[in-house]
Amino acid sequence: MLYNIKGVLLEKRDSVQITDKFKKQEFVLHTDDKYEQFITFFLANEKCEKISQVPEGSTLEVTFAIKGKKWEKEGQVKYFNSLEAINLEWVGSPQQTIPQAEVQPQVQQERSVGAQGESNDDIPF
């Protein structure tokens, strides 16, 4: 299921190459609803380039998917959520649309877990 939110681009972080086939870039959107919110989204692979042409301070409408991961280590189980940006639309005058890549969310490979619940790496997501 996809969701939409509108806010101001507060911060763009550098892209990070996670594996040979997976790269991501995070950005922070500021919303000023009843309670001020600072929401971190990520773009995956070729979509990372979408944010490079948008200056901080711009108003964006972000279409996103909610992702959830389970992480186990030494008998402890934790759950993590992330927000994958699927599409960005620059809201301005005149309205500018950021080039659209595939509309399907990026599927991340699950990390393998050892026999005793030990992850093969120390990163929980």
PDB file of N, CA and C in Angstrom:
ATOM      1  N   MET A   1       0.840  -1.159   0.000  1.00  0.00           N
ATOM      2  CA  MET A   1       0.000   0.000   0.000  1.00  0.00           C
ATOM      3  C   MET A   1       0.897   1.237   0.000  1.00  0.00           C
ATOM      4  N   LEU A   2       0.511   2.243  -0.786  1.00  0.00           N
ATOM      5  CA  LEU A   2       1.279   3.479  -0.874  1.00  0.00           C
ATOM      6  C   LEU A   2       0.558   4.606  -0.145  1.00  0.00           C
ATOM      7  N   TYR A   3       1.345   5.528   0.399  1.00  0.00           N
ATOM      8  CA  TYR A   3       0.834   6.670   1.142  1.00  0.00           C
ATOM      9  C   TYR A   3       1.447   7.943   0.565  1.00  0.00           C
ATOM     10  N   ASN A   4       0.822   9.083   0.829  1.00  0.00           N
ATOM     11  CA  ASN A   4       1.331  10.377   0.384  1.00  0.00           C
ATOM     12  C   ASN A   4       1.454  11.325   1.564  1.00  0.00           C
ATOM     13  N   ILE A   5       2.472  12.192   1.502  1.00  0.00           N
ATOM     14  CA  ILE A   5       2.650  13.221   2.518  1.00  0.00           C
ATOM     15  C   ILE A   5       3.329  14.413   1.855  1.00  0.00           C
ATOM     16  N   LYS A   6       3.013  15.593   2.339  1.00  0.00           N
ATOM     17  CA  LYS A   6       3.614  16.811   1.798  1.00  0.00           C
ATOM     18  C   LYS A   6       4.364  17.520   2.917  1.00  0.00           C
ATOM     19  N   GLY A   7       5.559  18.030   2.592  1.00  0.00           N
ATOM     20  CA  GLY A   7       6.360  18.750   3.570  1.00  0.00           C
ATOM     21  C   GLY A   7       7.540  19.433   2.913  1.00  0.00           C
ATOM     22  N   VAL A   8       8.388  20.021   3.729  1.00  0.00           N
ATOM     23  CA  VAL A   8       9.557  20.758   3.248  1.00  0.00           C
ATOM     24  C   VAL A   8      10.796  19.880   3.381  1.00  0.00           C
ATOM     25  N   LEU A   9      11.599  19.823   2.318  1.00  0.00           N
ATOM     26  CA  LEU A   9      12.847  19.069   2.333  1.00  0.00           C
ATOM     27  C   LEU A   9      13.825  19.771   3.264  1.00  0.00           C
ATOM     28  N   LEU A  10      14.098  19.154   4.400  1.00  0.00           N
ATOM     29  CA  LEU A  10      14.958  19.746   5.412  1.00  0.00           C
ATOM     30  C   LEU A  10      16.427  19.388   5.194  1.00  0.00           C
ATOM     31  N   GLU A  11      16.674  18.111   4.840  1.00  0.00           N
ATOM     32  CA  GLU A  11      18.052  17.634   4.731  1.00  0.00           C
ATOM     33  C   GLU A  11      18.139  16.498   3.732  1.00  0.00           C
ATOM     34  N   LYS A  12      19.221  16.513   2.928  1.00  0.00           N
ATOM     35  CA  LYS A  12      19.545  15.399   2.033  1.00  0.00           C
ATOM     36  C   LYS A  12      20.843  14.789   2.536  1.00  0.00           C
ATOM     37  N   ARG A  13      20.860  13.495   2.727  1.00  0.00           N
ATOM     38  CA  ARG A  13      22.082  12.816   3.169  1.00  0.00           C
ATOM     39  C   ARG A  13      22.780  12.203   1.961  1.00  0.00           C
ATOM     40  N   ASP A  14      24.060  11.896   2.115  1.00  0.00           N
ATOM     41  CA  ASP A  14      24.812  11.276   1.032  1.00  0.00           C
ATOM     42  C   ASP A  14      24.277   9.881   0.756  1.00  0.00           C
ATOM     43  N   SER A  15      24.360   9.443  -0.501  1.00  0.00           N
ATOM     44  CA  SER A  15      23.948   8.085  -0.830  1.00  0.00           C
ATOM     45  C   SER A  15      24.989   7.106  -0.291  1.00  0.00           C
ATOM     46  N   VAL A  16      24.527   5.907   0.054  1.00  0.00           N
ATOM     47  CA  VAL A  16      25.384   4.876   0.644  1.00  0.00           C
ATOM     48  C   VAL A  16      25.205   3.594  -0.153  1.00  0.00           C
ATOM     49  N   GLN A  17      26.313   3.005  -0.600  1.00  0.00           N
ATOM     50  CA  GLN A  17      26.284   1.734  -1.324  1.00  0.00           C
ATOM     51  C   GLN A  17      26.271   0.618  -0.283  1.00  0.00           C
ATOM     52  N   ILE A  18      25.139  -0.064  -0.111  1.00  0.00           N
ATOM     53  CA  ILE A  18      24.984  -1.104   0.907  1.00  0.00           C
ATOM     54  C   ILE A  18      25.578  -2.433   0.425  1.00  0.00           C
ATOM     55  N   THR A  19      25.217  -2.854  -0.777  1.00  0.00           N
ATOM     56  CA  THR A  19      25.770  -4.053  -1.409  1.00  0.00           C
ATOM     57  C   THR A  19      26.070  -3.696  -2.864  1.00  0.00           C
ATOM     58  N   ASP A  20      26.575  -4.680  -3.625  1.00  0.00           N
ATOM     59  CA  ASP A  20      26.844  -4.436  -5.047  1.00  0.00           C
ATOM     60  C   ASP A  20      25.583  -4.014  -5.795  1.00  0.00           C
ATOM     61  N   LYS A  21      24.432  -4.504  -5.357  1.00  0.00           N
ATOM     62  CA  LYS A  21      23.182  -4.257  -6.076  1.00  0.00           C
ATOM     63  C   LYS A  21      22.217  -3.319  -5.350  1.00  0.00           C
ATOM     64  N   PHE A  22      22.616  -2.817  -4.184  1.00  0.00           N
ATOM     65  CA  PHE A  22      21.685  -1.980  -3.430  1.00  0.00           C
ATOM     66  C   PHE A  22      22.362  -0.731  -2.886  1.00  0.00           C
ATOM     67  N   LYS A  23      21.818   0.416  -3.284  1.00  0.00           N
ATOM     68  CA  LYS A  23      22.289   1.721  -2.832  1.00  0.00           C
ATOM     69  C   LYS A  23      21.076   2.462  -2.290  1.00  0.00           C
ATOM     70  N   LYS A  24      21.279   3.270  -1.241  1.00  0.00           N
ATOM     71  CA  LYS A  24      20.160   4.065  -0.734  1.00  0.00           C
ATOM     72  C   LYS A  24      20.628   5.454  -0.341  1.00  0.00           C
ATOM     73  N   GLN A  25      19.668   6.382  -0.358  1.00  0.00           N
ATOM     74  CA  GLN A  25      19.924   7.749   0.069  1.00  0.00           C
ATOM     75  C   GLN A  25      18.751   8.201   0.916  1.00  0.00           C
ATOM     76  N   GLU A  26      19.062   8.726   2.092  1.00  0.00           N
ATOM     77  CA  GLU A  26      18.024   9.207   2.999  1.00  0.00           C
ATOM     78  C   GLU A  26      17.828  10.708   2.840  1.00  0.00           C
ATOM     79  N   PHE A  27      16.614  11.147   3.159  1.00  0.00           N
ATOM     80  CA  PHE A  27      16.325  12.573   3.225  1.00  0.00           C
ATOM     81  C   PHE A  27      15.280  12.788   4.304  1.00  0.00           C
ATOM     82  N   VAL A  28      15.244  14.005   4.839  1.00  0.00           N
ATOM     83  CA  VAL A  28      14.339  14.340   5.941  1.00  0.00           C
ATOM     84  C   VAL A  28      13.322  15.355   5.448  1.00  0.00           C
ATOM     85  N   LEU A  29      12.065  15.044   5.709  1.00  0.00           N
ATOM     86  CA  LEU A  29      10.957  15.927   5.355  1.00  0.00           C
ATOM     87  C   LEU A  29      10.389  16.508   6.643  1.00  0.00           C
ATOM     88  N   HIS A  30      10.149  17.810   6.640  1.00  0.00           N
ATOM     89  CA  HIS A  30       9.582  18.500   7.800  1.00  0.00           C
ATOM     90  C   HIS A  30       8.125  18.816   7.501  1.00  0.00           C
ATOM     91  N   THR A  31       7.223  18.371   8.376  1.00  0.00           N
ATOM     92  CA  THR A  31       5.809  18.711   8.236  1.00  0.00           C
ATOM     93  C   THR A  31       5.407  19.549   9.437  1.00  0.00           C
ATOM     94  N   ASP A  32       4.481  20.427   9.218  1.00  0.00           N
ATOM     95  CA  ASP A  32       4.049  21.333  10.275  1.00  0.00           C
ATOM     96  C   ASP A  32       2.551  21.141  10.501  1.00  0.00           C
ATOM     97  N   ASP A  33       2.181  19.914  10.844  1.00  0.00           N
ATOM     98  CA  ASP A  33       0.797  19.606  11.157  1.00  0.00           C
ATOM     99  C   ASP A  33       0.504  20.174  12.544  1.00  0.00           C
ATOM    100  N   LYS A  34      -0.475  19.607  13.218  1.00  0.00           N
ATOM    101  CA  LYS A  34      -0.780  20.043  14.585  1.00  0.00           C
ATOM    102  C   LYS A  34       0.479  19.949  15.447  1.00  0.00           C
ATOM    103  N   TYR A  35       1.238  18.856  15.257  1.00  0.00           N
ATOM    104  CA  TYR A  35       2.509  18.666  15.948  1.00  0.00           C
ATOM    105  C   TYR A  35       3.591  18.557  14.879  1.00  0.00           C
ATOM    106  N   GLU A  36       4.626  19.354  15.014  1.00  0.00           N
ATOM    107  CA  GLU A  36       5.734  19.375  14.062  1.00  0.00           C
ATOM    108  C   GLU A  36       6.369  17.989  13.959  1.00  0.00           C
ATOM    109  N   GLN A  37       6.653  17.540  12.721  1.00  0.00           N
ATOM    110  CA  GLN A  37       7.240  16.222  12.495  1.00  0.00           C
ATOM    111  C   GLN A  37       8.480  16.329  11.621  1.00  0.00           C
ATOM    112  N   PHE A  38       9.477  15.478  11.885  1.00  0.00           N
ATOM    113  CA  PHE A  38      10.683  15.354  11.082  1.00  0.00           C
ATOM    114  C   PHE A  38      10.754  13.890  10.672  1.00  0.00           C
ATOM    115  N   ILE A  39      10.516  13.599   9.399  1.00  0.00           N
ATOM    116  CA  ILE A  39      10.346  12.222   8.940  1.00  0.00           C
ATOM    117  C   ILE A  39      11.460  11.860   7.965  1.00  0.00           C
ATOM    118  N   THR A  40      12.141  10.746   8.242  1.00  0.00           N
ATOM    119  CA  THR A  40      13.220  10.273   7.381  1.00  0.00           C
ATOM    120  C   THR A  40      12.682   9.246   6.397  1.00  0.00           C
ATOM    121  N   PHE A  41      12.959   9.468   5.114  1.00  0.00           N
ATOM    122  CA  PHE A  41      12.609   8.543   4.035  1.00  0.00           C
ATOM    123  C   PHE A  41      13.901   8.079   3.383  1.00  0.00           C
ATOM    124  N   PHE A  42      13.816   6.994   2.586  1.00  0.00           N
ATOM    125  CA  PHE A  42      14.972   6.620   1.783  1.00  0.00           C
ATOM    126  C   PHE A  42      14.537   6.358   0.350  1.00  0.00           C
ATOM    127  N   LEU A  43      15.460   6.626  -0.556  1.00  0.00           N
ATOM    128  CA  LEU A  43      15.317   6.295  -1.967  1.00  0.00           C
ATOM    129  C   LEU A  43      16.278   5.154  -2.249  1.00  0.00           C
ATOM    130  N   ALA A  44      15.900   4.251  -3.150  1.00  0.00           N
ATOM    131  CA  ALA A  44      16.733   3.091  -3.439  1.00  0.00           C
ATOM    132  C   ALA A  44      17.227   3.107  -4.887  1.00  0.00           C
ATOM    133  N   ASN A  45      18.470   2.678  -5.041  1.00  0.00           N
ATOM    134  CA  ASN A  45      19.124   2.482  -6.331  1.00  0.00           C
ATOM    135  C   ASN A  45      18.998   3.681  -7.256  1.00  0.00           C
ATOM    136  N   GLU A  46      18.444   3.496  -8.461  1.00  0.00           N
ATOM    137  CA  GLU A  46      18.396   4.578  -9.445  1.00  0.00           C
ATOM    138  C   GLU A  46      17.522   5.745  -8.991  1.00  0.00           C
ATOM    139  N   LYS A  47      16.652   5.528  -8.025  1.00  0.00           N
ATOM    140  CA  LYS A  47      15.789   6.603  -7.524  1.00  0.00           C
ATOM    141  C   LYS A  47      16.567   7.612  -6.682  1.00  0.00           C
ATOM    142  N   CYS A  48      17.777   7.250  -6.236  1.00  0.00           N
ATOM    143  CA  CYS A  48      18.597   8.168  -5.436  1.00  0.00           C
ATOM    144  C   CYS A  48      18.859   9.467  -6.188  1.00  0.00           C
ATOM    145  N   GLU A  49      18.920   9.396  -7.498  1.00  0.00           N
ATOM    146  CA  GLU A  49      19.219  10.576  -8.301  1.00  0.00           C
ATOM    147  C   GLU A  49      18.067  11.579  -8.305  1.00  0.00           C
ATOM    148  N   LYS A  50      16.861  11.139  -7.951  1.00  0.00           N
ATOM    149  CA  LYS A  50      15.694  12.028  -7.965  1.00  0.00           C
ATOM    150  C   LYS A  50      15.845  13.205  -7.014  1.00  0.00           C
ATOM    151  N   ILE A  51      16.475  12.998  -5.893  1.00  0.00           N
ATOM    152  CA  ILE A  51      16.553  14.039  -4.869  1.00  0.00           C
ATOM    153  C   ILE A  51      17.692  15.021  -5.149  1.00  0.00           C
ATOM    154  N   SER A  52      18.654  14.629  -5.986  1.00  0.00           N
ATOM    155  CA  SER A  52      19.825  15.476  -6.224  1.00  0.00           C
ATOM    156  C   SER A  52      19.460  16.818  -6.850  1.00  0.00           C
ATOM    157  N   GLN A  53      18.401  16.872  -7.630  1.00  0.00           N
ATOM    158  CA  GLN A  53      18.036  18.113  -8.309  1.00  0.00           C
ATOM    159  C   GLN A  53      17.084  18.999  -7.500  1.00  0.00           C
ATOM    160  N   VAL A  54      16.740  18.577  -6.294  1.00  0.00           N
ATOM    161  CA  VAL A  54      15.801  19.337  -5.465  1.00  0.00           C
ATOM    162  C   VAL A  54      16.569  20.061  -4.362  1.00  0.00           C
ATOM    163  N   PRO A  55      16.477  21.395  -4.307  1.00  0.00           N
ATOM    164  CA  PRO A  55      17.188  22.126  -3.253  1.00  0.00           C
ATOM    165  C   PRO A  55      16.489  21.987  -1.896  1.00  0.00           C
ATOM    166  N   GLU A  56      17.300  21.949  -0.838  1.00  0.00           N
ATOM    167  CA  GLU A  56      16.725  21.932   0.505  1.00  0.00           C
ATOM    168  C   GLU A  56      15.868  23.173   0.682  1.00  0.00           C
ATOM    169  N   GLY A  57      14.751  23.027   1.395  1.00  0.00           N
ATOM    170  CA  GLY A  57      13.804  24.117   1.566  1.00  0.00           C
ATOM    171  C   GLY A  57      12.641  24.032   0.602  1.00  0.00           C
ATOM    172  N   SER A  58      12.726  23.134  -0.388  1.00  0.00           N
ATOM    173  CA  SER A  58      11.649  22.955  -1.358  1.00  0.00           C
ATOM    174  C   SER A  58      10.504  22.162  -0.740  1.00  0.00           C
ATOM    175  N   THR A  59       9.301  22.440  -1.188  1.00  0.00           N
ATOM    176  CA  THR A  59       8.139  21.663  -0.748  1.00  0.00           C
ATOM    177  C   THR A  59       7.976  20.471  -1.683  1.00  0.00           C
ATOM    178  N   LEU A  60       7.849  19.286  -1.084  1.00  0.00           N
ATOM    179  CA  LEU A  60       7.707  18.044  -1.839  1.00  0.00           C
ATOM    180  C   LEU A  60       6.442  17.313  -1.426  1.00  0.00           C
ATOM    181  N   GLU A  61       5.870  16.598  -2.379  1.00  0.00           N
ATOM    182  CA  GLU A  61       4.863  15.598  -2.053  1.00  0.00           C
ATOM    183  C   GLU A  61       5.529  14.255  -2.303  1.00  0.00           C
ATOM    184  N   VAL A  62       5.574  13.427  -1.271  1.00  0.00           N
ATOM    185  CA  VAL A  62       6.282  12.151  -1.326  1.00  0.00           C
ATOM    186  C   VAL A  62       5.262  11.018  -1.295  1.00  0.00           C
ATOM    187  N   THR A  63       5.366  10.119  -2.272  1.00  0.00           N
ATOM    188  CA  THR A  63       4.610   8.874  -2.257  1.00  0.00           C
ATOM    189  C   THR A  63       5.553   7.821  -1.707  1.00  0.00           C
ATOM    190  N   PHE A  64       5.099   7.083  -0.679  1.00  0.00           N
ATOM    191  CA  PHE A  64       6.016   6.167  -0.010  1.00  0.00           C
ATOM    192  C   PHE A  64       5.320   4.867   0.399  1.00  0.00           C
ATOM    193  N   ALA A  65       6.148   3.857   0.672  1.00  0.00           N
ATOM    194  CA  ALA A  65       5.699   2.563   1.181  1.00  0.00           C
ATOM    195  C   ALA A  65       6.340   2.349   2.547  1.00  0.00           C
ATOM    196  N   ILE A  66       5.619   1.714   3.451  1.00  0.00           N
ATOM    197  CA  ILE A  66       6.142   1.393   4.775  1.00  0.00           C
ATOM    198  C   ILE A  66       6.778   0.012   4.713  1.00  0.00           C
ATOM    199  N   LYS A  67       8.019  -0.083   5.166  1.00  0.00           N
ATOM    200  CA  LYS A  67       8.759  -1.341   5.193  1.00  0.00           C
ATOM    201  C   LYS A  67       8.991  -1.753   6.643  1.00  0.00           C
ATOM    202  N   GLY A  68       8.943  -3.046   6.922  1.00  0.00           N
ATOM    203  CA  GLY A  68       9.190  -3.549   8.268  1.00  0.00           C
ATOM    204  C   GLY A  68      10.165  -4.707   8.238  1.00  0.00           C
ATOM    205  N   LYS A  69      11.074  -4.747   9.175  1.00  0.00           N
ATOM    206  CA  LYS A  69      12.087  -5.808   9.275  1.00  0.00           C
ATOM    207  C   LYS A  69      12.112  -6.392  10.676  1.00  0.00           C
ATOM    208  N   LYS A  70      12.399  -7.682  10.730  1.00  0.00           N
ATOM    209  CA  LYS A  70      12.602  -8.379  11.998  1.00  0.00           C
ATOM    210  C   LYS A  70      14.098  -8.658  12.109  1.00  0.00           C
ATOM    211  N   TRP A  71      14.668  -8.412  13.293  1.00  0.00           N
ATOM    212  CA  TRP A  71      16.089  -8.619  13.520  1.00  0.00           C
ATOM    213  C   TRP A  71      16.251  -9.426  14.791  1.00  0.00           C
ATOM    214  N   GLU A  72      17.061 -10.483  14.720  1.00  0.00           N
ATOM    215  CA  GLU A  72      17.311 -11.338  15.885  1.00  0.00           C
ATOM    216  C   GLU A  72      18.806 -11.465  16.122  1.00  0.00           C
ATOM    217  N   LYS A  73      19.185 -11.354  17.399  1.00  0.00           N
ATOM    218  CA  LYS A  73      20.576 -11.569  17.780  1.00  0.00           C
ATOM    219  C   LYS A  73      20.617 -11.920  19.258  1.00  0.00           C
ATOM    220  N   GLU A  74      21.328 -13.016  19.579  1.00  0.00           N
ATOM    221  CA  GLU A  74      21.514 -13.468  20.953  1.00  0.00           C
ATOM    222  C   GLU A  74      20.184 -13.567  21.700  1.00  0.00           C
ATOM    223  N   GLY A  75      19.203 -14.105  21.046  1.00  0.00           N
ATOM    224  CA  GLY A  75      17.895 -14.317  21.671  1.00  0.00           C
ATOM    225  C   GLY A  75      17.002 -13.098  21.739  1.00  0.00           C
ATOM    226  N   GLN A  76      17.496 -11.945  21.332  1.00  0.00           N
ATOM    227  CA  GLN A  76      16.684 -10.733  21.325  1.00  0.00           C
ATOM    228  C   GLN A  76      16.057 -10.548  19.955  1.00  0.00           C
ATOM    229  N   VAL A  77      14.802 -10.149  19.958  1.00  0.00           N
ATOM    230  CA  VAL A  77      14.097  -9.870  18.710  1.00  0.00           C
ATOM    231  C   VAL A  77      13.696  -8.401  18.722  1.00  0.00           C
ATOM    232  N   LYS A  78      14.017  -7.712  17.622  1.00  0.00           N
ATOM    233  CA  LYS A  78      13.624  -6.314  17.475  1.00  0.00           C
ATOM    234  C   LYS A  78      12.989  -6.145  16.111  1.00  0.00           C
ATOM    235  N   TYR A  79      12.130  -5.146  16.007  1.00  0.00           N
ATOM    236  CA  TYR A  79      11.462  -4.833  14.759  1.00  0.00           C
ATOM    237  C   TYR A  79      11.783  -3.391  14.383  1.00  0.00           C
ATOM    238  N   PHE A  80      12.050  -3.173  13.108  1.00  0.00           N
ATOM    239  CA  PHE A  80      12.396  -1.856  12.602  1.00  0.00           C
ATOM    240  C   PHE A  80      11.483  -1.511  11.444  1.00  0.00           C
ATOM    241  N   ASN A  81      11.141  -0.242  11.344  1.00  0.00           N
ATOM    242  CA  ASN A  81      10.333   0.252  10.243  1.00  0.00           C
ATOM    243  C   ASN A  81      11.128   1.293   9.468  1.00  0.00           C
ATOM    244  N   SER A  82      10.871   1.371   8.178  1.00  0.00           N
ATOM    245  CA  SER A  82      11.475   2.413   7.350  1.00  0.00           C
ATOM    246  C   SER A  82      10.449   2.837   6.302  1.00  0.00           C
ATOM    247  N   LEU A  83      10.676   3.998   5.731  1.00  0.00           N
ATOM    248  CA  LEU A  83       9.760   4.568   4.754  1.00  0.00           C
ATOM    249  C   LEU A  83      10.499   4.723   3.429  1.00  0.00           C
ATOM    250  N   GLU A  84      10.106   3.923   2.431  1.00  0.00           N
ATOM    251  CA  GLU A  84      10.755   3.983   1.122  1.00  0.00           C
ATOM    252  C   GLU A  84       9.998   4.939   0.213  1.00  0.00           C
ATOM    253  N   ALA A  85      10.661   6.001  -0.196  1.00  0.00           N
ATOM    254  CA  ALA A  85      10.059   6.956  -1.124  1.00  0.00           C
ATOM    255  C   ALA A  85       9.999   6.313  -2.504  1.00  0.00           C
ATOM    256  N   ILE A  86       8.814   6.289  -3.070  1.00  0.00           N
ATOM    257  CA  ILE A  86       8.596   5.695  -4.381  1.00  0.00           C
ATOM    258  C   ILE A  86       8.608   6.775  -5.456  1.00  0.00           C
ATOM    259  N   ASN A  87       8.017   7.925  -5.135  1.00  0.00           N
ATOM    260  CA  ASN A  87       7.965   9.029  -6.087  1.00  0.00           C
ATOM    261  C   ASN A  87       8.022  10.354  -5.339  1.00  0.00           C
ATOM    262  N   LEU A  88       8.638  11.356  -5.967  1.00  0.00           N
ATOM    263  CA  LEU A  88       8.707  12.699  -5.412  1.00  0.00           C
ATOM    264  C   LEU A  88       8.085  13.661  -6.412  1.00  0.00           C
ATOM    265  N   GLU A  89       7.305  14.579  -5.905  1.00  0.00           N
ATOM    266  CA  GLU A  89       6.770  15.628  -6.760  1.00  0.00           C
ATOM    267  C   GLU A  89       7.097  16.969  -6.123  1.00  0.00           C
ATOM    268  N   TRP A  90       7.775  17.801  -6.880  1.00  0.00           N
ATOM    269  CA  TRP A  90       8.185  19.109  -6.410  1.00  0.00           C
ATOM    270  C   TRP A  90       6.975  20.013  -6.493  1.00  0.00           C
ATOM    271  N   VAL A  91       6.502  20.519  -5.351  1.00  0.00           N
ATOM    272  CA  VAL A  91       5.315  21.350  -5.309  1.00  0.00           C
ATOM    273  C   VAL A  91       5.773  22.800  -5.330  1.00  0.00           C
ATOM    274  N   GLY A  92       5.443  23.502  -6.385  1.00  0.00           N
ATOM    275  CA  GLY A  92       5.859  24.890  -6.507  1.00  0.00           C
ATOM    276  C   GLY A  92       5.071  25.575  -7.595  1.00  0.00           C
ATOM    277  N   SER A  93       5.520  26.732  -7.975  1.00  0.00           N
ATOM    278  CA  SER A  93       4.843  27.469  -9.022  1.00  0.00           C
ATOM    279  C   SER A  93       5.870  27.881 -10.057  1.00  0.00           C
ATOM    280  N   PRO A  94       5.827  27.367 -11.263  1.00  0.00           N
ATOM    281  CA  PRO A  94       4.909  26.333 -11.718  1.00  0.00           C
ATOM    282  C   PRO A  94       5.303  24.974 -11.148  1.00  0.00           C
ATOM    283  N   GLN A  95       4.357  24.060 -11.113  1.00  0.00           N
ATOM    284  CA  GLN A  95       4.614  22.740 -10.541  1.00  0.00           C
ATOM    285  C   GLN A  95       5.634  22.008 -11.397  1.00  0.00           C
ATOM    286  N   GLN A  96       6.631  21.451 -10.738  1.00  0.00           N
ATOM    287  CA  GLN A  96       7.675  20.719 -11.437  1.00  0.00           C
ATOM    288  C   GLN A  96       7.616  19.276 -10.986  1.00  0.00           C
ATOM    289  N   THR A  97       7.688  18.372 -11.929  1.00  0.00           N
ATOM    290  CA  THR A  97       7.662  16.958 -11.589  1.00  0.00           C
ATOM    291  C   THR A  97       9.059  16.391 -11.714  1.00  0.00           C
ATOM    292  N   ILE A  98       9.471  15.651 -10.737  1.00  0.00           N
ATOM    293  CA  ILE A  98      10.772  14.999 -10.746  1.00  0.00           C
ATOM    294  C   ILE A  98      10.641  13.753 -11.606  1.00  0.00           C
ATOM    295  N   PRO A  99      11.595  13.470 -12.507  1.00  0.00           N
ATOM    296  CA  PRO A  99      11.477  12.308 -13.380  1.00  0.00           C
ATOM    297  C   PRO A  99      11.174  11.042 -12.590  1.00  0.00           C
ATOM    298  N   GLN A 100      10.234  10.272 -13.096  1.00  0.00           N
ATOM    299  CA  GLN A 100       9.763   9.095 -12.378  1.00  0.00           C
ATOM    300  C   GLN A 100      10.481   7.852 -12.867  1.00  0.00           C
ATOM    301  N   ALA A 101      10.993   7.069 -11.937  1.00  0.00           N
ATOM    302  CA  ALA A 101      11.572   5.773 -12.264  1.00  0.00           C
ATOM    303  C   ALA A 101      10.461   4.744 -12.089  1.00  0.00           C
ATOM    304  N   GLU A 102      10.823   3.511 -11.902  1.00  0.00           N
ATOM    305  CA  GLU A 102       9.799   2.484 -11.686  1.00  0.00           C
ATOM    306  C   GLU A 102       8.965   2.841 -10.467  1.00  0.00           C
ATOM    307  N   VAL A 103       7.704   2.452 -10.479  1.00  0.00           N
ATOM    308  CA  VAL A 103       6.809   2.804  -9.396  1.00  0.00           C
ATOM    309  C   VAL A 103       6.759   1.706  -8.337  1.00  0.00           C
ATOM    310  N   GLN A 104       7.363   0.582  -8.594  1.00  0.00           N
ATOM    311  CA  GLN A 104       7.342  -0.520  -7.635  1.00  0.00           C
ATOM    312  C   GLN A 104       8.385  -0.292  -6.546  1.00  0.00           C
ATOM    313  N   PRO A 105       8.046  -0.568  -5.271  1.00  0.00           N
ATOM    314  CA  PRO A 105       9.028  -0.447  -4.188  1.00  0.00           C
ATOM    315  C   PRO A 105      10.203  -1.390  -4.409  1.00  0.00           C
ATOM    316  N   GLN A 106      11.372  -0.970  -3.973  1.00  0.00           N
ATOM    317  CA  GLN A 106      12.567  -1.800  -4.077  1.00  0.00           C
ATOM    318  C   GLN A 106      12.464  -2.930  -3.069  1.00  0.00           C
ATOM    319  N   VAL A 107      12.684  -4.152  -3.506  1.00  0.00           N
ATOM    320  CA  VAL A 107      12.644  -5.297  -2.602  1.00  0.00           C
ATOM    321  C   VAL A 107      14.059  -5.548  -2.119  1.00  0.00           C
ATOM    322  N   GLN A 108      14.252  -5.455  -0.831  1.00  0.00           N
ATOM    323  CA  GLN A 108      15.570  -5.699  -0.260  1.00  0.00           C
ATOM    324  C   GLN A 108      15.696  -7.173   0.070  1.00  0.00           C
ATOM    325  N   GLN A 109      16.910  -7.692  -0.124  1.00  0.00           N
ATOM    326  CA  GLN A 109      17.156  -9.081   0.228  1.00  0.00           C
ATOM    327  C   GLN A 109      17.188  -9.217   1.740  1.00  0.00           C
ATOM    328  N   GLU A 110      16.557 -10.280   2.247  1.00  0.00           N
ATOM    329  CA  GLU A 110      16.571 -10.547   3.683  1.00  0.00           C
ATOM    330  C   GLU A 110      17.969 -10.999   4.072  1.00  0.00           C
ATOM    331  N   ARG A 111      18.416 -10.579   5.227  1.00  0.00           N
ATOM    332  CA  ARG A 111      19.716 -11.018   5.733  1.00  0.00           C
ATOM    333  C   ARG A 111      19.541 -12.402   6.344  1.00  0.00           C
ATOM    334  N   SER A 112      20.530 -13.259   6.127  1.00  0.00           N
ATOM    335  CA  SER A 112      20.429 -14.599   6.675  1.00  0.00           C
ATOM    336  C   SER A 112      20.719 -14.579   8.169  1.00  0.00           C
ATOM    337  N   VAL A 113      20.062 -15.476   8.888  1.00  0.00           N
ATOM    338  CA  VAL A 113      20.209 -15.565  10.329  1.00  0.00           C
ATOM    339  C   VAL A 113      20.731 -16.952  10.651  1.00  0.00           C
ATOM    340  N   GLY A 114      21.725 -17.019  11.537  1.00  0.00           N
ATOM    341  CA  GLY A 114      22.332 -18.293  11.907  1.00  0.00           C
ATOM    342  C   GLY A 114      21.399 -19.161  12.733  1.00  0.00           C
ATOM    343  N   ALA A 115      21.845 -20.368  13.035  1.00  0.00           N
ATOM    344  CA  ALA A 115      21.017 -21.342  13.740  1.00  0.00           C
ATOM    345  C   ALA A 115      20.591 -20.856  15.123  1.00  0.00           C
ATOM    346  N   GLN A 116      21.401 -20.047  15.776  1.00  0.00           N
ATOM    347  CA  GLN A 116      21.081 -19.571  17.112  1.00  0.00           C
ATOM    348  C   GLN A 116      20.513 -18.160  17.085  1.00  0.00           C
ATOM    349  N   GLY A 117      20.001 -17.730  15.926  1.00  0.00           N
ATOM    350  CA  GLY A 117      19.418 -16.407  15.817  1.00  0.00           C
ATOM    351  C   GLY A 117      20.443 -15.304  15.627  1.00  0.00           C
ATOM    352  N   GLU A 118      21.718 -15.711  15.351  1.00  0.00           N
ATOM    353  CA  GLU A 118      22.757 -14.706  15.162  1.00  0.00           C
ATOM    354  C   GLU A 118      22.736 -14.220  13.728  1.00  0.00           C
ATOM    355  N   SER A 119      22.754 -12.924  13.564  1.00  0.00           N
ATOM    356  CA  SER A 119      22.810 -12.326  12.242  1.00  0.00           C
ATOM    357  C   SER A 119      24.230 -12.433  11.721  1.00  0.00           C
ATOM    358  N   ASN A 120      24.382 -12.475  10.417  1.00  0.00           N
ATOM    359  CA  ASN A 120      25.705 -12.556   9.826  1.00  0.00           C
ATOM    360  C   ASN A 120      26.430 -11.214   9.821  1.00  0.00           C
ATOM    361  N   ASP A 121      25.783 -10.165  10.289  1.00  0.00           N
ATOM    362  CA  ASP A 121      26.420  -8.869  10.419  1.00  0.00           C
ATOM    363  C   ASP A 121      25.855  -8.155  11.636  1.00  0.00           C
ATOM    364  N   ASP A 122      26.441  -7.065  12.008  1.00  0.00           N
ATOM    365  CA  ASP A 122      26.014  -6.355  13.205  1.00  0.00           C
ATOM    366  C   ASP A 122      24.978  -5.263  12.943  1.00  0.00           C
ATOM    367  N   ILE A 123      24.645  -5.044  11.675  1.00  0.00           N
ATOM    368  CA  ILE A 123      23.671  -4.010  11.361  1.00  0.00           C
ATOM    369  C   ILE A 123      22.272  -4.604  11.462  1.00  0.00           C
ATOM    370  N   PRO A 124      21.401  -3.995  12.272  1.00  0.00           N
ATOM    371  CA  PRO A 124      20.085  -4.598  12.519  1.00  0.00           C
ATOM    372  C   PRO A 124      19.057  -4.329  11.436  1.00  0.00           C
ATOM    373  N   PHE A 125      19.407  -3.732  10.317  1.00  0.00           N
ATOM    374  CA  PHE A 125      18.429  -3.464   9.263  1.00  0.00           C
ATOM    375  C   PHE A 125      19.072  -3.430   7.919  1.00  0.00           C
TER     376      PHE A 125
END
